[in-house]
Amino acid sequence: MQTISISEIQRNLHKLDGFDIVEIIDKKRHKTKGYFLDSSYKSFIEKLIGVKKEKRTNLLNIVGIIDSTDADEITKEQLRAERLARYE
């Protein structure tokens, strides 16, 4: 996989043209900032996001009724902790 720094992208955006996937790194902090994916992967990524949302919805249905009004913002860990607290 090709890696490219943020400053290189700013100077030479055309370097992204020849690649499908590029890892974008921050050379100062030695951290990966993200990945550039060619637009041909858009439908595949949207499909993966849909599957993830569906799994989360199924999780909420399996756990049962949630007393919170912020049901959309509850994380898996919060659900697990709430469920375990019921049985302590």
C-alpha atoms as a PDB file:
ATOM      1  CA  MET A   1       0.000   0.000   0.000  1.00  0.00           C
ATOM      2  CA  GLN A   2       1.269   3.430  -0.903  1.00  0.00           C
ATOM      3  CA  THR A   3       1.766   5.912   1.960  1.00  0.00           C
ATOM      4  CA  ILE A   4       1.744   9.660   1.519  1.00  0.00           C
ATOM      5  CA  SER A   5       2.062  12.540   3.964  1.00  0.00           C
ATOM      6  CA  ILE A   6      -0.430  15.346   4.446  1.00  0.00           C
ATOM      7  CA  SER A   7       2.047  17.930   3.164  1.00  0.00           C
ATOM      8  CA  GLU A   8       2.675  15.886   0.001  1.00  0.00           C
ATOM      9  CA  ILE A   9      -1.059  15.845  -0.688  1.00  0.00           C
ATOM     10  CA  GLN A  10      -1.207  19.604  -0.272  1.00  0.00           C
ATOM     11  CA  ARG A  11       1.688  20.138  -2.674  1.00  0.00           C
ATOM     12  CA  ASN A  12       0.943  17.387  -5.209  1.00  0.00           C
ATOM     13  CA  LEU A  13      -2.677  16.294  -5.211  1.00  0.00           C
ATOM     14  CA  HIS A  14      -2.146  14.536  -8.530  1.00  0.00           C
ATOM     15  CA  LYS A  15      -0.139  11.821  -6.716  1.00  0.00           C
ATOM     16  CA  LEU A  16      -3.454  10.264  -5.660  1.00  0.00           C
ATOM     17  CA  ASP A  17      -4.524   9.687  -9.280  1.00  0.00           C
ATOM     18  CA  GLY A  18      -2.717   6.411  -9.870  1.00  0.00           C
ATOM     19  CA  PHE A  19      -3.756   4.577  -6.705  1.00  0.00           C
ATOM     20  CA  ASP A  20      -6.907   2.880  -5.418  1.00  0.00           C
ATOM     21  CA  ILE A  21      -5.946   2.942  -1.726  1.00  0.00           C
ATOM     22  CA  VAL A  22      -3.430   5.282  -0.092  1.00  0.00           C
ATOM     23  CA  GLU A  23      -2.540   5.498   3.596  1.00  0.00           C
ATOM     24  CA  ILE A  24      -2.312   9.128   4.738  1.00  0.00           C
ATOM     25  CA  ILE A  25       0.213   9.666   7.522  1.00  0.00           C
ATOM     26  CA  ASP A  26       1.285  12.548   9.743  1.00  0.00           C
ATOM     27  CA  LYS A  27       5.071  12.431   9.561  1.00  0.00           C
ATOM     28  CA  LYS A  28       5.581  14.765  12.541  1.00  0.00           C
ATOM     29  CA  ARG A  29       3.593  12.609  14.944  1.00  0.00           C
ATOM     30  CA  HIS A  30       4.167   9.275  13.170  1.00  0.00           C
ATOM     31  CA  LYS A  31       0.430   8.491  13.109  1.00  0.00           C
ATOM     32  CA  THR A  32      -1.918   7.283  10.453  1.00  0.00           C
ATOM     33  CA  LYS A  33      -4.503   9.988   9.813  1.00  0.00           C
ATOM     34  CA  GLY A  34      -6.699   8.027   7.436  1.00  0.00           C
ATOM     35  CA  TYR A  35      -7.004   6.306   4.104  1.00  0.00           C
ATOM     36  CA  PHE A  36      -7.846   7.597   0.653  1.00  0.00           C
ATOM     37  CA  LEU A  37     -10.101   5.272  -1.300  1.00  0.00           C
ATOM     38  CA  ASP A  38     -10.895   5.713  -4.953  1.00  0.00           C
ATOM     39  CA  SER A  39     -14.524   6.582  -5.706  1.00  0.00           C
ATOM     40  CA  SER A  40     -14.982   3.172  -7.363  1.00  0.00           C
ATOM     41  CA  TYR A  41     -15.199   1.721  -3.818  1.00  0.00           C
ATOM     42  CA  LYS A  42     -18.074   4.007  -2.768  1.00  0.00           C
ATOM     43  CA  SER A  43     -20.859   1.438  -3.202  1.00  0.00           C
ATOM     44  CA  PHE A  44     -18.862  -1.208  -1.306  1.00  0.00           C
ATOM     45  CA  ILE A  45     -18.199   1.149   1.619  1.00  0.00           C
ATOM     46  CA  GLU A  46     -21.858   2.234   1.763  1.00  0.00           C
ATOM     47  CA  LYS A  47     -22.865  -1.437   1.857  1.00  0.00           C
ATOM     48  CA  LEU A  48     -20.484  -2.092   4.791  1.00  0.00           C
ATOM     49  CA  ILE A  49     -21.860   0.911   6.672  1.00  0.00           C
ATOM     50  CA  GLY A  50     -25.403  -0.367   6.104  1.00  0.00           C
ATOM     51  CA  VAL A  51     -24.480  -3.801   7.474  1.00  0.00           C
ATOM     52  CA  LYS A  52     -22.933  -2.206  10.573  1.00  0.00           C
ATOM     53  CA  LYS A  53     -26.040  -0.085  11.212  1.00  0.00           C
ATOM     54  CA  GLU A  54     -28.248  -3.152  10.756  1.00  0.00           C
ATOM     55  CA  LYS A  55     -26.211  -5.128  13.302  1.00  0.00           C
ATOM     56  CA  ARG A  56     -26.503  -2.262  15.793  1.00  0.00           C
ATOM     57  CA  THR A  57     -30.263  -2.097  15.268  1.00  0.00           C
ATOM     58  CA  ASN A  58     -30.500  -5.856  15.794  1.00  0.00           C
ATOM     59  CA  LEU A  59     -28.482  -5.526  19.001  1.00  0.00           C
ATOM     60  CA  LEU A  60     -30.892  -2.932  20.343  1.00  0.00           C
ATOM     61  CA  ASN A  61     -33.839  -5.189  19.495  1.00  0.00           C
ATOM     62  CA  ILE A  62     -32.238  -8.204  21.209  1.00  0.00           C
ATOM     63  CA  VAL A  63     -31.382  -6.346  24.408  1.00  0.00           C
ATOM     64  CA  GLY A  64     -34.989  -5.326  24.830  1.00  0.00           C
ATOM     65  CA  ILE A  65     -36.671  -2.194  26.013  1.00  0.00           C
ATOM     66  CA  ILE A  66     -34.332   0.636  26.872  1.00  0.00           C
ATOM     67  CA  ASP A  67     -35.515   3.147  29.422  1.00  0.00           C
ATOM     68  CA  SER A  68     -33.325   5.927  28.043  1.00  0.00           C
ATOM     69  CA  THR A  69     -34.707   8.512  25.648  1.00  0.00           C
ATOM     70  CA  ASP A  70     -31.278   8.711  23.969  1.00  0.00           C
ATOM     71  CA  ALA A  71     -31.493   5.187  22.537  1.00  0.00           C
ATOM     72  CA  ASP A  72     -29.712   6.179  19.325  1.00  0.00           C
ATOM     73  CA  GLU A  73     -26.639   7.378  21.207  1.00  0.00           C
ATOM     74  CA  ILE A  74     -26.171   4.387  23.514  1.00  0.00           C
ATOM     75  CA  THR A  75     -22.984   2.426  22.921  1.00  0.00           C
ATOM     76  CA  LYS A  76     -22.600  -1.333  23.107  1.00  0.00           C
ATOM     77  CA  GLU A  77     -20.577  -0.971  26.293  1.00  0.00           C
ATOM     78  CA  GLN A  78     -23.316   1.063  27.962  1.00  0.00           C
ATOM     79  CA  LEU A  79     -25.903  -1.533  26.951  1.00  0.00           C
ATOM     80  CA  ARG A  80     -23.734  -4.332  28.313  1.00  0.00           C
ATOM     81  CA  ALA A  81     -23.164  -2.477  31.618  1.00  0.00           C
ATOM     82  CA  GLU A  82     -26.887  -1.750  31.975  1.00  0.00           C
ATOM     83  CA  ARG A  83     -27.724  -5.393  31.291  1.00  0.00           C
ATOM     84  CA  LEU A  84     -25.143  -6.684  33.801  1.00  0.00           C
ATOM     85  CA  ALA A  85     -26.342  -4.214  36.447  1.00  0.00           C
ATOM     86  CA  ARG A  86     -29.798  -5.788  36.326  1.00  0.00           C
ATOM     87  CA  TYR A  87     -28.402  -9.150  37.436  1.00  0.00           C
ATOM     88  CA  GLU A  88     -26.091  -8.004  40.225  1.00  0.00           C
END
